[in-house]
Amino acid sequence: MRATPPACILLKPETSDALVDTVLRDHSPRRITLDVLGRDVSGGTSAYHQLLELLIDGFATCVN
């Protein structure tokens, strides 16, 4: 039985495209970058909420 290739992969912002290309070889799943450290999230009282929203959006994009 052959393994099903991934439809989507989740990456960190610093992930090397060359490394991903090497690992995936002939497959071309959708690539979603998730910044789990929230580097682009503005500070303030809603920062954690913003981070969660960004992560949720990334996961949702991957499964839809």
N, C-alpha and C. Protein backbone atom coordinates (compact mmCIF):
# COMPACT_ATOMS: atom_id res chain seq x y z
N MET A 1 0.85 -1.17 0.00
CA MET A 1 0.00 0.00 0.00
C MET A 1 0.90 1.24 0.00
N ARG A 2 0.55 2.23 -0.82
CA ARG A 2 1.33 3.46 -0.90
C ARG A 2 0.80 4.48 0.10
N ALA A 3 1.72 5.22 0.67
CA ALA A 3 1.33 6.28 1.60
C ALA A 3 0.74 7.44 0.81
N THR A 4 -0.27 8.04 1.38
CA THR A 4 -0.88 9.20 0.75
C THR A 4 -0.03 10.43 1.03
N PRO A 5 0.33 11.17 0.00
CA PRO A 5 1.14 12.37 0.24
C PRO A 5 0.33 13.43 0.99
N PRO A 6 0.99 14.28 1.73
CA PRO A 6 0.25 15.30 2.48
C PRO A 6 -0.38 16.32 1.54
N ALA A 7 -1.57 16.79 1.91
CA ALA A 7 -2.24 17.83 1.13
C ALA A 7 -1.77 19.20 1.56
N CYS A 8 -1.27 19.29 2.80
CA CYS A 8 -0.86 20.57 3.36
C CYS A 8 0.20 20.31 4.43
N ILE A 9 1.16 21.22 4.52
CA ILE A 9 2.14 21.13 5.59
C ILE A 9 2.22 22.48 6.30
N LEU A 10 2.49 22.42 7.59
CA LEU A 10 2.61 23.62 8.41
C LEU A 10 4.09 23.87 8.67
N LEU A 11 4.53 25.09 8.41
CA LEU A 11 5.94 25.43 8.52
C LEU A 11 6.15 26.60 9.47
N LYS A 12 7.34 26.65 10.05
CA LYS A 12 7.75 27.82 10.83
C LYS A 12 8.30 28.85 9.84
N PRO A 13 8.27 30.13 10.18
CA PRO A 13 8.77 31.15 9.26
C PRO A 13 10.22 30.95 8.81
N GLU A 14 11.03 30.39 9.68
CA GLU A 14 12.44 30.22 9.34
C GLU A 14 12.76 28.92 8.61
N THR A 15 11.75 28.13 8.27
CA THR A 15 11.96 26.86 7.59
C THR A 15 12.53 27.09 6.19
N SER A 16 13.53 26.34 5.84
CA SER A 16 14.19 26.46 4.54
C SER A 16 13.32 25.84 3.44
N ASP A 17 13.03 26.63 2.40
CA ASP A 17 12.27 26.10 1.27
C ASP A 17 13.02 24.96 0.59
N ALA A 18 14.34 25.08 0.50
CA ALA A 18 15.14 24.04 -0.13
C ALA A 18 15.03 22.72 0.64
N LEU A 19 15.03 22.80 1.96
CA LEU A 19 14.88 21.60 2.78
C LEU A 19 13.51 20.96 2.56
N VAL A 20 12.48 21.77 2.55
CA VAL A 20 11.12 21.24 2.33
C VAL A 20 11.03 20.60 0.95
N ASP A 21 11.58 21.26 -0.07
CA ASP A 21 11.57 20.69 -1.42
C ASP A 21 12.27 19.35 -1.46
N THR A 22 13.39 19.23 -0.75
CA THR A 22 14.14 17.98 -0.72
C THR A 22 13.34 16.87 -0.04
N VAL A 23 12.72 17.19 1.07
CA VAL A 23 11.96 16.19 1.83
C VAL A 23 10.73 15.74 1.05
N LEU A 24 10.05 16.67 0.42
CA LEU A 24 8.80 16.34 -0.26
C LEU A 24 9.00 15.77 -1.66
N ARG A 25 10.14 16.00 -2.23
CA ARG A 25 10.50 15.52 -3.57
C ARG A 25 9.44 15.88 -4.60
N ASP A 26 8.70 14.89 -5.07
CA ASP A 26 7.75 15.10 -6.17
C ASP A 26 6.38 15.57 -5.72
N HIS A 27 6.18 15.75 -4.45
CA HIS A 27 4.87 16.18 -3.94
C HIS A 27 4.85 17.70 -3.81
N SER A 28 3.69 18.26 -3.98
CA SER A 28 3.58 19.72 -3.86
C SER A 28 2.36 20.11 -3.03
N PRO A 29 2.40 19.79 -1.74
CA PRO A 29 1.27 20.16 -0.89
C PRO A 29 1.23 21.67 -0.67
N ARG A 30 0.10 22.13 -0.24
CA ARG A 30 -0.03 23.54 0.13
C ARG A 30 0.86 23.79 1.35
N ARG A 31 1.56 24.90 1.34
CA ARG A 31 2.46 25.24 2.45
C ARG A 31 1.89 26.41 3.22
N ILE A 32 1.69 26.20 4.50
CA ILE A 32 1.15 27.24 5.37
C ILE A 32 2.21 27.56 6.42
N THR A 33 2.57 28.82 6.53
CA THR A 33 3.56 29.25 7.52
C THR A 33 2.84 29.76 8.76
N LEU A 34 3.17 29.17 9.90
CA LEU A 34 2.58 29.58 11.17
C LEU A 34 3.67 30.16 12.07
N ASP A 35 3.45 31.38 12.49
CA ASP A 35 4.39 32.04 13.40
C ASP A 35 3.92 31.82 14.83
N VAL A 36 4.32 30.70 15.41
CA VAL A 36 3.84 30.34 16.75
C VAL A 36 4.39 31.24 17.84
N LEU A 37 5.43 32.02 17.52
CA LEU A 37 5.97 32.96 18.51
C LEU A 37 5.31 34.33 18.42
N GLY A 38 4.52 34.54 17.39
CA GLY A 38 3.79 35.80 17.28
C GLY A 38 4.65 37.01 16.99
N ARG A 39 5.66 36.84 16.16
CA ARG A 39 6.56 37.95 15.85
C ARG A 39 5.84 39.15 15.23
N ASP A 40 4.78 38.88 14.46
CA ASP A 40 4.06 39.96 13.78
C ASP A 40 2.85 40.46 14.57
N VAL A 41 2.66 39.95 15.76
CA VAL A 41 1.53 40.36 16.58
C VAL A 41 1.91 41.63 17.34
N SER A 42 1.03 42.61 17.25
CA SER A 42 1.31 43.84 18.01
C SER A 42 1.07 43.58 19.49
N GLY A 43 1.77 44.29 20.32
CA GLY A 43 1.62 44.10 21.76
C GLY A 43 0.28 44.61 22.26
N GLY A 44 0.12 44.56 23.53
CA GLY A 44 -1.11 45.07 24.13
C GLY A 44 -1.94 43.97 24.75
N THR A 45 -3.09 44.36 25.23
CA THR A 45 -3.95 43.42 25.95
C THR A 45 -4.57 42.36 25.05
N SER A 46 -4.60 42.60 23.74
CA SER A 46 -5.22 41.63 22.84
C SER A 46 -4.19 40.80 22.08
N ALA A 47 -2.92 40.87 22.47
CA ALA A 47 -1.86 40.16 21.74
C ALA A 47 -2.08 38.65 21.71
N TYR A 48 -2.44 38.08 22.84
CA TYR A 48 -2.64 36.63 22.88
C TYR A 48 -3.80 36.23 21.99
N HIS A 49 -4.86 37.00 22.02
CA HIS A 49 -6.03 36.75 21.17
C HIS A 49 -5.63 36.84 19.70
N GLN A 50 -4.84 37.85 19.34
CA GLN A 50 -4.37 38.00 17.96
C GLN A 50 -3.55 36.79 17.53
N LEU A 51 -2.67 36.34 18.41
CA LEU A 51 -1.84 35.18 18.09
C LEU A 51 -2.71 33.95 17.84
N LEU A 52 -3.67 33.71 18.71
CA LEU A 52 -4.55 32.55 18.52
C LEU A 52 -5.33 32.65 17.22
N GLU A 53 -5.81 33.83 16.89
CA GLU A 53 -6.55 34.02 15.64
C GLU A 53 -5.67 33.70 14.43
N LEU A 54 -4.43 34.16 14.45
CA LEU A 54 -3.51 33.87 13.35
C LEU A 54 -3.25 32.36 13.21
N LEU A 55 -3.07 31.69 14.34
CA LEU A 55 -2.83 30.24 14.31
C LEU A 55 -4.07 29.49 13.82
N ILE A 56 -5.23 29.89 14.30
CA ILE A 56 -6.48 29.26 13.87
C ILE A 56 -6.68 29.44 12.38
N ASP A 57 -6.43 30.65 11.88
CA ASP A 57 -6.58 30.91 10.44
C ASP A 57 -5.64 30.03 9.63
N GLY A 58 -4.42 29.85 10.11
CA GLY A 58 -3.46 29.00 9.41
C GLY A 58 -3.91 27.55 9.36
N PHE A 59 -4.36 27.02 10.49
CA PHE A 59 -4.86 25.65 10.52
C PHE A 59 -6.08 25.50 9.62
N ALA A 60 -6.99 26.46 9.67
CA ALA A 60 -8.21 26.40 8.85
C ALA A 60 -7.87 26.43 7.36
N THR A 61 -6.90 27.24 6.99
CA THR A 61 -6.49 27.30 5.59
C THR A 61 -5.94 25.95 5.14
N CYS A 62 -5.27 25.27 6.02
CA CYS A 62 -4.68 23.98 5.69
C CYS A 62 -5.74 22.89 5.50
N VAL A 63 -6.78 22.91 6.28
CA VAL A 63 -7.77 21.83 6.20
C VAL A 63 -8.91 22.11 5.24
N ASN A 64 -9.01 23.33 4.78
CA ASN A 64 -10.09 23.66 3.82
C ASN A 64 -9.63 23.53 2.40
